[in-house]
Amino acid sequence: MIGLIVAYAKNRVIGNKGQIPWRIKGEQRRFRELTTGNVVIMGRRSYDEIGHPLPNRNTIVVSKTANYEAENCVTVGSLTEAIDIAKTKWPEMNIYLSGGAGIYREGLDLADKLFVTEVELEPEGDTFFPEFDETKYDKTVDEAVDGEIPYTYVTYTKKNER
């Protein structure tokens, strides 16, 4: 399974000046639960923001300019190369595309499922999640979380195209 995992605001903002423009206690729980024990593919800037490979996951960084070498972390030049390596090296694991915007744009059509955290904010931002045709997916609201900043976990499953 190829999943795309993202948190975006009501205005589709996912970043501002290289940072996620919110900090919500517990909001990243779903990311950790889904990706642990699997493969995470991210772009160079997303990796740089984190600064290290994610624990208990195989991390593939897509970059044409940098080369990261660490335990459970490899660097490749393209998203298709990253997916090919993940399927070959770890065929039993799920693959999660985890940003940034370029990976999301390129990976949207490749993903079987979209795991979205919809954040009830409209922050300023310079990086956005791309628009997508929701009619191509079955939408499931998994959990709504109230709090200072409410958010909702939603799963979009691609419909079988016949």
Protein backbone atom coordinates (compact mmCIF):
# COMPACT_ATOMS: atom_id res chain seq x y z
CA MET A 1 0.00 0.00 0.00
CA ILE A 2 1.19 3.47 -0.83
CA GLY A 3 -0.27 6.04 1.53
CA LEU A 4 0.14 9.78 1.52
CA ILE A 5 0.13 11.27 5.01
CA VAL A 6 -0.36 15.00 5.62
CA ALA A 7 -1.69 17.57 8.03
CA TYR A 8 -3.11 20.68 6.43
CA ALA A 9 -5.07 23.72 7.53
CA LYS A 10 -8.46 24.83 6.22
CA ASN A 11 -6.63 26.98 3.65
CA ARG A 12 -4.47 23.94 2.65
CA VAL A 13 -1.35 25.43 4.26
CA ILE A 14 1.22 22.79 5.23
CA GLY A 15 4.21 25.03 5.88
CA ASN A 16 5.54 28.51 6.40
CA LYS A 17 9.22 29.42 6.02
CA GLY A 18 10.23 25.77 6.30
CA GLN A 19 8.21 25.05 9.44
CA ILE A 20 4.84 23.52 10.23
CA PRO A 21 2.81 26.60 11.31
CA TRP A 22 1.18 24.94 14.34
CA ARG A 23 2.09 22.86 17.34
CA ILE A 24 -0.79 20.79 18.64
CA LYS A 25 -0.19 18.36 21.46
CA GLY A 26 -1.01 14.84 20.27
CA GLU A 27 -1.72 15.79 16.65
CA GLN A 28 1.20 13.76 15.32
CA ARG A 29 0.07 10.56 17.11
CA ARG A 30 -1.56 9.18 13.95
CA PHE A 31 1.58 9.79 11.90
CA ARG A 32 3.66 7.86 14.41
CA GLU A 33 1.13 5.01 14.69
CA LEU A 34 0.79 4.55 10.92
CA THR A 35 4.41 4.95 9.87
CA THR A 36 6.23 3.06 12.63
CA GLY A 37 7.59 -0.20 11.23
CA ASN A 38 7.09 0.97 7.64
CA VAL A 39 8.78 3.09 4.97
CA VAL A 40 8.59 6.89 4.98
CA ILE A 41 9.49 8.85 1.84
CA MET A 42 10.11 12.58 2.15
CA GLY A 43 11.79 15.42 0.34
CA ARG A 44 15.04 17.03 1.41
CA ARG A 45 13.50 20.08 3.08
CA SER A 46 11.12 17.93 5.11
CA TYR A 47 14.05 15.79 6.20
CA ASP A 48 16.11 18.88 7.07
CA GLU A 49 13.27 20.17 9.26
CA ILE A 50 13.30 16.90 11.23
CA GLY A 51 17.09 16.65 11.12
CA HIS A 52 17.43 12.87 11.47
CA PRO A 53 15.93 9.58 10.30
CA LEU A 54 12.67 8.73 12.04
CA PRO A 55 13.04 6.00 14.68
CA ASN A 56 11.71 2.51 13.91
CA ARG A 57 11.11 3.35 10.25
CA ASN A 58 13.01 3.09 7.01
CA THR A 59 13.45 6.63 5.70
CA ILE A 60 14.03 7.44 2.04
CA VAL A 61 14.93 11.05 1.26
CA VAL A 62 14.33 12.35 -2.26
CA SER A 63 16.95 14.93 -3.19
CA LYS A 64 18.91 15.91 -6.26
CA THR A 65 21.36 18.02 -4.24
CA ALA A 66 22.04 16.30 -0.90
CA ASN A 67 23.06 12.81 0.13
CA TYR A 68 22.08 11.61 3.59
CA GLU A 69 23.68 8.51 5.01
CA ALA A 70 22.44 7.11 8.28
CA GLU A 71 21.09 3.90 9.72
CA ASN A 72 17.72 3.08 8.11
CA CYS A 73 18.06 6.11 5.80
CA VAL A 74 18.91 6.32 2.10
CA THR A 75 18.86 9.15 -0.42
CA VAL A 76 17.60 8.84 -3.99
CA GLY A 77 17.08 11.26 -6.86
CA SER A 78 13.37 10.79 -7.59
CA LEU A 79 10.07 9.71 -6.07
CA THR A 80 9.69 6.81 -8.52
CA GLU A 81 13.16 5.57 -7.57
CA ALA A 82 12.23 5.84 -3.87
CA ILE A 83 9.05 3.80 -4.39
CA ASP A 84 10.91 1.18 -6.44
CA ILE A 85 13.56 0.79 -3.71
CA ALA A 86 10.91 0.58 -0.98
CA LYS A 87 8.94 -2.11 -2.86
CA THR A 88 12.09 -4.11 -3.60
CA LYS A 89 13.93 -3.76 -0.29
CA TRP A 90 10.93 -3.86 2.08
CA PRO A 91 8.08 -5.53 0.13
CA GLU A 92 6.14 -6.41 3.28
CA MET A 93 6.02 -2.80 4.50
CA ASN A 94 3.58 -0.02 3.69
CA ILE A 95 4.98 3.10 2.03
CA TYR A 96 4.04 6.56 3.33
CA LEU A 97 4.70 9.74 1.34
CA SER A 98 5.19 12.37 4.02
CA GLY A 99 6.00 15.64 2.28
CA GLY A 100 6.77 18.21 1.33
CA ALA A 101 4.68 19.88 -1.31
CA GLY A 102 6.66 18.48 -4.27
CA ILE A 103 6.39 14.91 -3.01
CA TYR A 104 2.66 15.45 -2.39
CA ARG A 105 2.09 16.88 -5.89
CA GLU A 106 3.94 14.04 -7.56
CA GLY A 107 2.64 11.33 -5.24
CA LEU A 108 -1.05 12.22 -5.14
CA ASP A 109 -1.92 10.04 -8.14
CA LEU A 110 0.33 7.20 -6.94
CA ALA A 111 -1.21 6.87 -3.48
CA ASP A 112 -3.86 4.27 -2.69
CA LYS A 113 -4.92 6.15 0.44
CA LEU A 114 -4.60 9.68 1.76
CA PHE A 115 -4.30 9.97 5.54
CA VAL A 116 -5.21 13.58 6.20
CA THR A 117 -5.26 15.56 9.42
CA GLU A 118 -7.54 18.55 8.80
CA VAL A 119 -6.46 21.31 11.18
CA GLU A 120 -9.08 23.93 12.08
CA LEU A 121 -6.84 26.93 11.45
CA GLU A 122 -6.13 29.34 8.60
CA PRO A 123 -2.49 30.26 9.24
CA GLU A 124 -0.23 32.25 6.99
CA GLY A 125 1.87 30.00 4.84
CA ASP A 126 4.00 29.67 1.76
CA THR A 127 3.60 25.93 1.18
CA PHE A 128 0.29 24.28 0.33
CA PHE A 129 -1.18 20.82 -0.17
CA PRO A 130 -2.41 20.48 -3.76
CA GLU A 131 -6.08 20.43 -4.65
CA PHE A 132 -7.38 16.97 -5.51
CA ASP A 133 -10.57 15.48 -6.90
CA GLU A 134 -12.37 14.15 -3.82
CA THR A 135 -14.90 12.32 -6.04
CA LYS A 136 -12.16 9.79 -6.88
CA TYR A 137 -12.05 8.69 -3.23
CA ASP A 138 -14.23 7.20 -0.52
CA LYS A 139 -13.92 9.48 2.52
CA THR A 140 -13.95 8.21 6.09
CA VAL A 141 -13.85 10.49 9.12
CA ASP A 142 -11.76 8.49 11.59
CA GLU A 143 -11.65 10.79 14.61
CA ALA A 144 -12.49 14.40 15.48
CA VAL A 145 -10.37 15.86 18.26
CA ASP A 146 -11.56 18.92 20.19
CA GLY A 147 -9.11 21.17 21.91
CA GLU A 148 -7.55 24.59 21.75
CA ILE A 149 -7.01 23.87 18.04
CA PRO A 150 -9.46 21.17 16.84
CA TYR A 151 -8.45 18.73 14.14
CA THR A 152 -9.95 15.73 12.35
CA TYR A 153 -8.31 12.56 11.10
CA VAL A 154 -9.74 11.68 7.68
CA THR A 155 -8.87 8.80 5.33
CA TYR A 156 -9.48 9.03 1.59
CA THR A 157 -9.38 5.63 -0.14
CA LYS A 158 -8.98 5.69 -3.90
CA LYS A 159 -12.00 4.20 -5.66
CA ASN A 160 -11.35 1.29 -8.01
CA GLU A 161 -11.38 2.63 -11.54
CA ARG A 162 -12.97 0.16 -13.93
